[in-house]
């Protein structure tokens, strides 16, 4: 018997980029106004401003570079126009977290971390896993039902908006800040009877 190849079909990938940001945006994020999130069991906070990225021009440019690269170099989507239509900050004080959720009414989403820490985690879930389960000897991309990321400074994670995720409890002694965003295609997209203009 000879194994020919393994093909990870219908991938639900995360696209992780390190942005070229020189200033300490965590300090600036800390100056923003935050409200309690009204999701049952969630203890993280959300910014009052739900278009917060407009205040951070350099960060927006860097995020757009990453989105362009993911679309063109990985997803092979050329000349795709898009709009970042919602962006907000989250603040998770020590021990704070969010319940699992996905981003409705969106195509792509992202989360940017100005500062990383081993105690700042985000978990993504694979909801189409087989109902049959046997404990593997070692987890990998083929047998995992969830995947945790512990971001470093200036990391941006891009993902398809339907991918369920949650902020893990903040195990550090510092406040965890992130900027989340949602993206929709803009202009004409799709084909034949599925073509739309947005």
Foldseek 3Di string as FASTA:
>chain_A
DDDDDDDPPPDFDKQKDFFDDDDQCVVVLVPFDWDADPDPPAGKIKGPAFAVVVVPVSLVVRVVVSVVCCVCVPVVHPPWAKDFPTKIKIKAAAQGKGDKDFDPPFFKKKKWFQAFDQQKKKKWFDPPDDPDDDDDPDDDPVRDGMDMDGDHHRMMIMGTRRTIMMTGGRNDNGMTMMMMIGMDTAAWDDDDPPIDHD
